[in-house]
Amino acid sequence: MSVMKDRLRELVEMLPEAEEQTALRFLEYLAERGGDPVLRALAMAPYDDEPLTDEDREAIREGREDAAAGRVMSTDDLRRTLGLDR
């Protein structure tokens, strides 16, 4: 067993009961993010602080129209297209 996991277990045992749910949700988030390459890439991407352009706004509007009209691709289809299906 690793030293880090031993320390994690110690910390979990030290948590006040009122914080257990928060810790559980956070650890589940980390575990899920770590196993999905798309979520990991999104989580590691730098924050985009550039202002939206008129072109950006138009693309967002078009995307929302497509979504409202059902012109979308399922997550499973996207994964297959990108070769990420498991």
PDB file of N, CA and C in Angstrom:
ATOM      1  N   MET A   1       0.848  -1.182   0.000  1.00  0.00           N
ATOM      2  CA  MET A   1       0.000   0.000   0.000  1.00  0.00           C
ATOM      3  C   MET A   1       0.893   1.245   0.000  1.00  0.00           C
ATOM      4  N   SER A   2       0.482   2.267  -0.724  1.00  0.00           N
ATOM      5  CA  SER A   2       1.308   3.460  -0.835  1.00  0.00           C
ATOM      6  C   SER A   2       1.172   4.361   0.391  1.00  0.00           C
ATOM      7  N   VAL A   3       2.201   5.137   0.623  1.00  0.00           N
ATOM      8  CA  VAL A   3       2.209   6.089   1.731  1.00  0.00           C
ATOM      9  C   VAL A   3       1.108   7.128   1.544  1.00  0.00           C
ATOM     10  N   MET A   4       0.895   7.546   0.295  1.00  0.00           N
ATOM     11  CA  MET A   4      -0.140   8.555   0.019  1.00  0.00           C
ATOM     12  C   MET A   4      -1.525   8.025   0.368  1.00  0.00           C
ATOM     13  N   LYS A   5      -1.815   6.780  -0.028  1.00  0.00           N
ATOM     14  CA  LYS A   5      -3.142   6.233   0.272  1.00  0.00           C
ATOM     15  C   LYS A   5      -3.319   6.047   1.777  1.00  0.00           C
ATOM     16  N   ASP A   6      -2.250   5.655   2.466  1.00  0.00           N
ATOM     17  CA  ASP A   6      -2.334   5.564   3.925  1.00  0.00           C
ATOM     18  C   ASP A   6      -2.690   6.924   4.513  1.00  0.00           C
ATOM     19  N   ARG A   7      -2.051   7.972   4.019  1.00  0.00           N
ATOM     20  CA  ARG A   7      -2.327   9.320   4.522  1.00  0.00           C
ATOM     21  C   ARG A   7      -3.762   9.746   4.203  1.00  0.00           C
ATOM     22  N   LEU A   8      -4.227   9.415   3.006  1.00  0.00           N
ATOM     23  CA  LEU A   8      -5.611   9.717   2.646  1.00  0.00           C
ATOM     24  C   LEU A   8      -6.585   9.043   3.613  1.00  0.00           C
ATOM     25  N   ARG A   9      -6.319   7.784   3.929  1.00  0.00           N
ATOM     26  CA  ARG A   9      -7.184   7.071   4.870  1.00  0.00           C
ATOM     27  C   ARG A   9      -7.172   7.742   6.241  1.00  0.00           C
ATOM     28  N   GLU A  10      -6.002   8.158   6.693  1.00  0.00           N
ATOM     29  CA  GLU A  10      -5.898   8.855   7.978  1.00  0.00           C
ATOM     30  C   GLU A  10      -6.749  10.126   7.974  1.00  0.00           C
ATOM     31  N   LEU A  11      -6.640  10.881   6.900  1.00  0.00           N
ATOM     32  CA  LEU A  11      -7.397  12.129   6.808  1.00  0.00           C
ATOM     33  C   LEU A  11      -8.901  11.877   6.791  1.00  0.00           C
ATOM     34  N   VAL A  12      -9.309  10.838   6.077  1.00  0.00           N
ATOM     35  CA  VAL A  12     -10.731  10.505   6.042  1.00  0.00           C
ATOM     36  C   VAL A  12     -11.226  10.178   7.448  1.00  0.00           C
ATOM     37  N   GLU A  13     -10.453   9.439   8.185  1.00  0.00           N
ATOM     38  CA  GLU A  13     -10.839   9.080   9.556  1.00  0.00           C
ATOM     39  C   GLU A  13     -10.908  10.312  10.467  1.00  0.00           C
ATOM     40  N   MET A  14     -10.148  11.336  10.158  1.00  0.00           N
ATOM     41  CA  MET A  14     -10.123  12.549  10.983  1.00  0.00           C
ATOM     42  C   MET A  14     -11.256  13.526  10.653  1.00  0.00           C
ATOM     43  N   LEU A  15     -11.922  13.327   9.523  1.00  0.00           N
ATOM     44  CA  LEU A  15     -12.944  14.276   9.088  1.00  0.00           C
ATOM     45  C   LEU A  15     -14.113  14.347  10.070  1.00  0.00           C
ATOM     46  N   PRO A  16     -14.571  15.550  10.339  1.00  0.00           N
ATOM     47  CA  PRO A  16     -15.806  15.680  11.108  1.00  0.00           C
ATOM     48  C   PRO A  16     -16.960  15.094  10.290  1.00  0.00           C
ATOM     49  N   GLU A  17     -17.925  14.519  10.946  1.00  0.00           N
ATOM     50  CA  GLU A  17     -19.048  13.885  10.257  1.00  0.00           C
ATOM     51  C   GLU A  17     -19.748  14.858   9.305  1.00  0.00           C
ATOM     52  N   ALA A  18     -19.812  16.106   9.683  1.00  0.00           N
ATOM     53  CA  ALA A  18     -20.492  17.109   8.856  1.00  0.00           C
ATOM     54  C   ALA A  18     -19.787  17.331   7.516  1.00  0.00           C
ATOM     55  N   GLU A  19     -18.526  16.952   7.397  1.00  0.00           N
ATOM     56  CA  GLU A  19     -17.766  17.165   6.155  1.00  0.00           C
ATOM     57  C   GLU A  19     -17.657  15.912   5.300  1.00  0.00           C
ATOM     58  N   GLU A  20     -18.197  14.797   5.764  1.00  0.00           N
ATOM     59  CA  GLU A  20     -18.030  13.539   5.037  1.00  0.00           C
ATOM     60  C   GLU A  20     -18.664  13.582   3.648  1.00  0.00           C
ATOM     61  N   GLN A  21     -19.861  14.133   3.545  1.00  0.00           N
ATOM     62  CA  GLN A  21     -20.548  14.187   2.248  1.00  0.00           C
ATOM     63  C   GLN A  21     -19.761  15.033   1.244  1.00  0.00           C
ATOM     64  N   THR A  22     -19.234  16.152   1.693  1.00  0.00           N
ATOM     65  CA  THR A  22     -18.446  17.021   0.810  1.00  0.00           C
ATOM     66  C   THR A  22     -17.187  16.298   0.345  1.00  0.00           C
ATOM     67  N   ALA A  23     -16.502  15.634   1.262  1.00  0.00           N
ATOM     68  CA  ALA A  23     -15.285  14.902   0.907  1.00  0.00           C
ATOM     69  C   ALA A  23     -15.603  13.774  -0.068  1.00  0.00           C
ATOM     70  N   LEU A  24     -16.699  13.078   0.167  1.00  0.00           N
ATOM     71  CA  LEU A  24     -17.100  11.991  -0.723  1.00  0.00           C
ATOM     72  C   LEU A  24     -17.359  12.506  -2.130  1.00  0.00           C
ATOM     73  N   ARG A  25     -18.120  13.587  -2.251  1.00  0.00           N
ATOM     74  CA  ARG A  25     -18.407  14.144  -3.580  1.00  0.00           C
ATOM     75  C   ARG A  25     -17.123  14.574  -4.287  1.00  0.00           C
ATOM     76  N   PHE A  26     -16.209  15.180  -3.546  1.00  0.00           N
ATOM     77  CA  PHE A  26     -14.963  15.639  -4.151  1.00  0.00           C
ATOM     78  C   PHE A  26     -14.108  14.454  -4.617  1.00  0.00           C
ATOM     79  N   LEU A  27     -14.002  13.428  -3.799  1.00  0.00           N
ATOM     80  CA  LEU A  27     -13.215  12.258  -4.189  1.00  0.00           C
ATOM     81  C   LEU A  27     -13.851  11.535  -5.383  1.00  0.00           C
ATOM     82  N   GLU A  28     -15.183  11.466  -5.417  1.00  0.00           N
ATOM     83  CA  GLU A  28     -15.850  10.875  -6.571  1.00  0.00           C
ATOM     84  C   GLU A  28     -15.564  11.690  -7.829  1.00  0.00           C
ATOM     85  N   TYR A  29     -15.589  12.997  -7.686  1.00  0.00           N
ATOM     86  CA  TYR A  29     -15.273  13.885  -8.817  1.00  0.00           C
ATOM     87  C   TYR A  29     -13.859  13.615  -9.320  1.00  0.00           C
ATOM     88  N   LEU A  30     -12.894  13.544  -8.418  1.00  0.00           N
ATOM     89  CA  LEU A  30     -11.511  13.295  -8.817  1.00  0.00           C
ATOM     90  C   LEU A  30     -11.358  11.931  -9.490  1.00  0.00           C
ATOM     91  N   ALA A  31     -12.017  10.920  -8.940  1.00  0.00           N
ATOM     92  CA  ALA A  31     -11.911   9.574  -9.506  1.00  0.00           C
ATOM     93  C   ALA A  31     -12.523   9.517 -10.896  1.00  0.00           C
ATOM     94  N   GLU A  32     -13.672  10.146 -11.074  1.00  0.00           N
ATOM     95  CA  GLU A  32     -14.333  10.143 -12.384  1.00  0.00           C
ATOM     96  C   GLU A  32     -13.541  10.941 -13.399  1.00  0.00           C
ATOM     97  N   ARG A  33     -13.052  12.101 -13.000  1.00  0.00           N
ATOM     98  CA  ARG A  33     -12.292  12.960 -13.914  1.00  0.00           C
ATOM     99  C   ARG A  33     -11.007  12.270 -14.339  1.00  0.00           C
ATOM    100  N   GLY A  34     -10.374  11.574 -13.420  1.00  0.00           N
ATOM    101  CA  GLY A  34      -9.109  10.916 -13.722  1.00  0.00           C
ATOM    102  C   GLY A  34      -9.237   9.772 -14.701  1.00  0.00           C
ATOM    103  N   GLY A  35     -10.430   9.145 -14.768  1.00  0.00           N
ATOM    104  CA  GLY A  35     -10.590   7.996 -15.632  1.00  0.00           C
ATOM    105  C   GLY A  35     -11.071   8.330 -17.033  1.00  0.00           C
ATOM    106  N   ASP A  36     -11.528   9.520 -17.269  1.00  0.00           N
ATOM    107  CA  ASP A  36     -12.073   9.901 -18.569  1.00  0.00           C
ATOM    108  C   ASP A  36     -11.118  10.877 -19.242  1.00  0.00           C
ATOM    109  N   PRO A  37     -10.534  10.491 -20.388  1.00  0.00           N
ATOM    110  CA  PRO A  37      -9.555  11.367 -21.031  1.00  0.00           C
ATOM    111  C   PRO A  37     -10.128  12.718 -21.468  1.00  0.00           C
ATOM    112  N   VAL A  38     -11.402  12.743 -21.850  1.00  0.00           N
ATOM    113  CA  VAL A  38     -12.007  14.013 -22.270  1.00  0.00           C
ATOM    114  C   VAL A  38     -12.183  14.926 -21.064  1.00  0.00           C
ATOM    115  N   LEU A  39     -12.728  14.389 -19.961  1.00  0.00           N
ATOM    116  CA  LEU A  39     -12.902  15.199 -18.756  1.00  0.00           C
ATOM    117  C   LEU A  39     -11.559  15.658 -18.205  1.00  0.00           C
ATOM    118  N   ARG A  40     -10.557  14.779 -18.267  1.00  0.00           N
ATOM    119  CA  ARG A  40      -9.220  15.154 -17.790  1.00  0.00           C
ATOM    120  C   ARG A  40      -8.660  16.303 -18.630  1.00  0.00           C
ATOM    121  N   ALA A  41      -8.812  16.219 -19.949  1.00  0.00           N
ATOM    122  CA  ALA A  41      -8.312  17.284 -20.830  1.00  0.00           C
ATOM    123  C   ALA A  41      -9.031  18.603 -20.551  1.00  0.00           C
ATOM    124  N   LEU A  42     -10.338  18.533 -20.369  1.00  0.00           N
ATOM    125  CA  LEU A  42     -11.095  19.754 -20.063  1.00  0.00           C
ATOM    126  C   LEU A  42     -10.663  20.354 -18.726  1.00  0.00           C
ATOM    127  N   ALA A  43     -10.457  19.499 -17.745  1.00  0.00           N
ATOM    128  CA  ALA A  43     -10.069  19.984 -16.415  1.00  0.00           C
ATOM    129  C   ALA A  43      -8.679  20.622 -16.432  1.00  0.00           C
ATOM    130  N   MET A  44      -7.818  20.145 -17.306  1.00  0.00           N
ATOM    131  CA  MET A  44      -6.445  20.641 -17.348  1.00  0.00           C
ATOM    132  C   MET A  44      -6.262  21.807 -18.319  1.00  0.00           C
ATOM    133  N   ALA A  45      -7.285  22.104 -19.100  1.00  0.00           N
ATOM    134  CA  ALA A  45      -7.178  23.188 -20.083  1.00  0.00           C
ATOM    135  C   ALA A  45      -7.076  24.536 -19.372  1.00  0.00           C
ATOM    136  N   PRO A  46      -6.268  25.434 -19.915  1.00  0.00           N
ATOM    137  CA  PRO A  46      -6.170  26.764 -19.294  1.00  0.00           C
ATOM    138  C   PRO A  46      -7.480  27.535 -19.446  1.00  0.00           C
ATOM    139  N   TYR A  47      -7.742  28.402 -18.505  1.00  0.00           N
ATOM    140  CA  TYR A  47      -8.942  29.233 -18.542  1.00  0.00           C
ATOM    141  C   TYR A  47      -8.854  30.202 -19.716  1.00  0.00           C
ATOM    142  N   ASP A  48      -9.925  30.293 -20.465  1.00  0.00           N
ATOM    143  CA  ASP A  48      -9.982  31.200 -21.616  1.00  0.00           C
ATOM    144  C   ASP A  48     -10.587  32.523 -21.153  1.00  0.00           C
ATOM    145  N   ASP A  49      -9.744  33.529 -21.030  1.00  0.00           N
ATOM    146  CA  ASP A  49     -10.224  34.817 -20.525  1.00  0.00           C
ATOM    147  C   ASP A  49     -10.390  35.863 -21.623  1.00  0.00           C
ATOM    148  N   GLU A  50     -10.336  35.418 -22.884  1.00  0.00           N
ATOM    149  CA  GLU A  50     -10.522  36.365 -23.979  1.00  0.00           C
ATOM    150  C   GLU A  50     -12.011  36.693 -24.131  1.00  0.00           C
ATOM    151  N   PRO A  51     -12.338  37.935 -24.423  1.00  0.00           N
ATOM    152  CA  PRO A  51     -13.753  38.297 -24.607  1.00  0.00           C
ATOM    153  C   PRO A  51     -14.330  37.635 -25.857  1.00  0.00           C
ATOM    154  N   LEU A  52     -15.640  37.403 -25.818  1.00  0.00           N
ATOM    155  CA  LEU A  52     -16.316  36.822 -26.980  1.00  0.00           C
ATOM    156  C   LEU A  52     -16.345  37.823 -28.126  1.00  0.00           C
ATOM    157  N   THR A  53     -16.134  37.297 -29.337  1.00  0.00           N
ATOM    158  CA  THR A  53     -16.245  38.127 -30.536  1.00  0.00           C
ATOM    159  C   THR A  53     -17.660  37.983 -31.090  1.00  0.00           C
ATOM    160  N   ASP A  54     -17.991  38.803 -32.067  1.00  0.00           N
ATOM    161  CA  ASP A  54     -19.285  38.676 -32.738  1.00  0.00           C
ATOM    162  C   ASP A  54     -19.397  37.298 -33.401  1.00  0.00           C
ATOM    163  N   GLU A  55     -18.288  36.812 -33.946  1.00  0.00           N
ATOM    164  CA  GLU A  55     -18.266  35.488 -34.574  1.00  0.00           C
ATOM    165  C   GLU A  55     -18.542  34.399 -33.525  1.00  0.00           C
ATOM    166  N   ASP A  56     -17.952  34.537 -32.349  1.00  0.00           N
ATOM    167  CA  ASP A  56     -18.208  33.587 -31.258  1.00  0.00           C
ATOM    168  C   ASP A  56     -19.691  33.576 -30.898  1.00  0.00           C
ATOM    169  N   ARG A  57     -20.255  34.759 -30.742  1.00  0.00           N
ATOM    170  CA  ARG A  57     -21.673  34.862 -30.370  1.00  0.00           C
ATOM    171  C   ARG A  57     -22.577  34.216 -31.421  1.00  0.00           C
ATOM    172  N   GLU A  58     -22.234  34.411 -32.679  1.00  0.00           N
ATOM    173  CA  GLU A  58     -23.008  33.812 -33.770  1.00  0.00           C
ATOM    174  C   GLU A  58     -22.897  32.288 -33.728  1.00  0.00           C
ATOM    175  N   ALA A  59     -21.710  31.770 -33.489  1.00  0.00           N
ATOM    176  CA  ALA A  59     -21.523  30.318 -33.406  1.00  0.00           C
ATOM    177  C   ALA A  59     -22.307  29.737 -32.225  1.00  0.00           C
ATOM    178  N   ILE A  60     -22.326  30.440 -31.110  1.00  0.00           N
ATOM    179  CA  ILE A  60     -23.098  29.992 -29.943  1.00  0.00           C
ATOM    180  C   ILE A  60     -24.588  29.982 -30.275  1.00  0.00           C
ATOM    181  N   ARG A  61     -25.064  31.043 -30.929  1.00  0.00           N
ATOM    182  CA  ARG A  61     -26.477  31.121 -31.317  1.00  0.00           C
ATOM    183  C   ARG A  61     -26.842  29.960 -32.229  1.00  0.00           C
ATOM    184  N   GLU A  62     -25.988  29.686 -33.227  1.00  0.00           N
ATOM    185  CA  GLU A  62     -26.249  28.584 -34.158  1.00  0.00           C
ATOM    186  C   GLU A  62     -26.262  27.240 -33.427  1.00  0.00           C
ATOM    187  N   GLY A  63     -25.333  27.080 -32.499  1.00  0.00           N
ATOM    188  CA  GLY A  63     -25.279  25.836 -31.730  1.00  0.00           C
ATOM    189  C   GLY A  63     -26.528  25.624 -30.897  1.00  0.00           C
ATOM    190  N   ARG A  64     -27.015  26.689 -30.303  1.00  0.00           N
ATOM    191  CA  ARG A  64     -28.246  26.591 -29.503  1.00  0.00           C
ATOM    192  C   ARG A  64     -29.445  26.266 -30.398  1.00  0.00           C
ATOM    193  N   GLU A  65     -29.485  26.859 -31.569  1.00  0.00           N
ATOM    194  CA  GLU A  65     -30.564  26.547 -32.518  1.00  0.00           C
ATOM    195  C   GLU A  65     -30.496  25.078 -32.931  1.00  0.00           C
ATOM    196  N   ASP A  66     -29.290  24.593 -33.234  1.00  0.00           N
ATOM    197  CA  ASP A  66     -29.133  23.184 -33.606  1.00  0.00           C
ATOM    198  C   ASP A  66     -29.598  22.265 -32.477  1.00  0.00           C
ATOM    199  N   ALA A  67     -29.217  22.591 -31.257  1.00  0.00           N
ATOM    200  CA  ALA A  67     -29.612  21.763 -30.117  1.00  0.00           C
ATOM    201  C   ALA A  67     -31.128  21.772 -29.952  1.00  0.00           C
ATOM    202  N   ALA A  68     -31.742  22.945 -30.072  1.00  0.00           N
ATOM    203  CA  ALA A  68     -33.193  23.058 -29.917  1.00  0.00           C
ATOM    204  C   ALA A  68     -33.927  22.284 -31.012  1.00  0.00           C
ATOM    205  N   ALA A  69     -33.320  22.206 -32.207  1.00  0.00           N
ATOM    206  CA  ALA A  69     -33.949  21.507 -33.334  1.00  0.00           C
ATOM    207  C   ALA A  69     -33.600  20.013 -33.350  1.00  0.00           C
ATOM    208  N   GLY A  70     -32.785  19.574 -32.388  1.00  0.00           N
ATOM    209  CA  GLY A  70     -32.432  18.157 -32.330  1.00  0.00           C
ATOM    210  C   GLY A  70     -31.289  17.765 -33.231  1.00  0.00           C
ATOM    211  N   ARG A  71     -30.606  18.724 -33.811  1.00  0.00           N
ATOM    212  CA  ARG A  71     -29.465  18.430 -34.682  1.00  0.00           C
ATOM    213  C   ARG A  71     -28.216  18.304 -33.815  1.00  0.00           C
ATOM    214  N   VAL A  72     -28.155  17.180 -33.089  1.00  0.00           N
ATOM    215  CA  VAL A  72     -27.059  16.945 -32.146  1.00  0.00           C
ATOM    216  C   VAL A  72     -26.537  15.530 -32.318  1.00  0.00           C
ATOM    217  N   MET A  73     -25.401  15.254 -31.720  1.00  0.00           N
ATOM    218  CA  MET A  73     -24.805  13.927 -31.737  1.00  0.00           C
ATOM    219  C   MET A  73     -24.762  13.432 -30.294  1.00  0.00           C
ATOM    220  N   SER A  74     -25.128  12.185 -30.087  1.00  0.00           N
ATOM    221  CA  SER A  74     -25.085  11.644 -28.734  1.00  0.00           C
ATOM    222  C   SER A  74     -23.635  11.514 -28.270  1.00  0.00           C
ATOM    223  N   THR A  75     -23.461  11.452 -26.976  1.00  0.00           N
ATOM    224  CA  THR A  75     -22.119  11.278 -26.417  1.00  0.00           C
ATOM    225  C   THR A  75     -21.504   9.979 -26.918  1.00  0.00           C
ATOM    226  N   ASP A  76     -22.295   8.913 -26.979  1.00  0.00           N
ATOM    227  CA  ASP A  76     -21.783   7.624 -27.463  1.00  0.00           C
ATOM    228  C   ASP A  76     -21.315   7.727 -28.912  1.00  0.00           C
ATOM    229  N   ASP A  77     -22.112   8.397 -29.755  1.00  0.00           N
ATOM    230  CA  ASP A  77     -21.708   8.567 -31.156  1.00  0.00           C
ATOM    231  C   ASP A  77     -20.436   9.404 -31.256  1.00  0.00           C
ATOM    232  N   LEU A  78     -20.338  10.444 -30.448  1.00  0.00           N
ATOM    233  CA  LEU A  78     -19.144  11.289 -30.458  1.00  0.00           C
ATOM    234  C   LEU A  78     -17.921  10.486 -30.026  1.00  0.00           C
ATOM    235  N   ARG A  79     -18.059   9.691 -28.986  1.00  0.00           N
ATOM    236  CA  ARG A  79     -16.941   8.860 -28.530  1.00  0.00           C
ATOM    237  C   ARG A  79     -16.495   7.895 -29.647  1.00  0.00           C
ATOM    238  N   ARG A  80     -17.467   7.283 -30.328  1.00  0.00           N
ATOM    239  CA  ARG A  80     -17.108   6.379 -31.411  1.00  0.00           C
ATOM    240  C   ARG A  80     -16.393   7.129 -32.531  1.00  0.00           C
ATOM    241  N   THR A  81     -16.893   8.310 -32.880  1.00  0.00           N
ATOM    242  CA  THR A  81     -16.293   9.121 -33.936  1.00  0.00           C
ATOM    243  C   THR A  81     -14.857   9.486 -33.584  1.00  0.00           C
ATOM    244  N   LEU A  82     -14.627   9.811 -32.304  1.00  0.00           N
ATOM    245  CA  LEU A  82     -13.288  10.216 -31.863  1.00  0.00           C
ATOM    246  C   LEU A  82     -12.400   9.043 -31.485  1.00  0.00           C
ATOM    247  N   GLY A  83     -12.948   7.837 -31.561  1.00  0.00           N
ATOM    248  CA  GLY A  83     -12.166   6.649 -31.202  1.00  0.00           C
ATOM    249  C   GLY A  83     -11.967   6.497 -29.701  1.00  0.00           C
ATOM    250  N   LEU A  84     -12.893   7.035 -28.913  1.00  0.00           N
ATOM    251  CA  LEU A  84     -12.766   6.968 -27.455  1.00  0.00           C
ATOM    252  C   LEU A  84     -13.703   5.941 -26.840  1.00  0.00           C
ATOM    253  N   ASP A  85     -14.414   5.181 -27.679  1.00  0.00           N
ATOM    254  CA  ASP A  85     -15.343   4.211 -27.110  1.00  0.00           C
ATOM    255  C   ASP A  85     -14.555   3.110 -26.413  1.00  0.00           C
ATOM    256  N   ARG A  86     -15.174   2.619 -25.365  1.00  0.00           N
ATOM    257  CA  ARG A  86     -14.469   1.608 -24.544  1.00  0.00           C
ATOM    258  C   ARG A  86     -15.016   0.230 -24.822  1.00  0.00           C
TER     259      ARG A  86
END
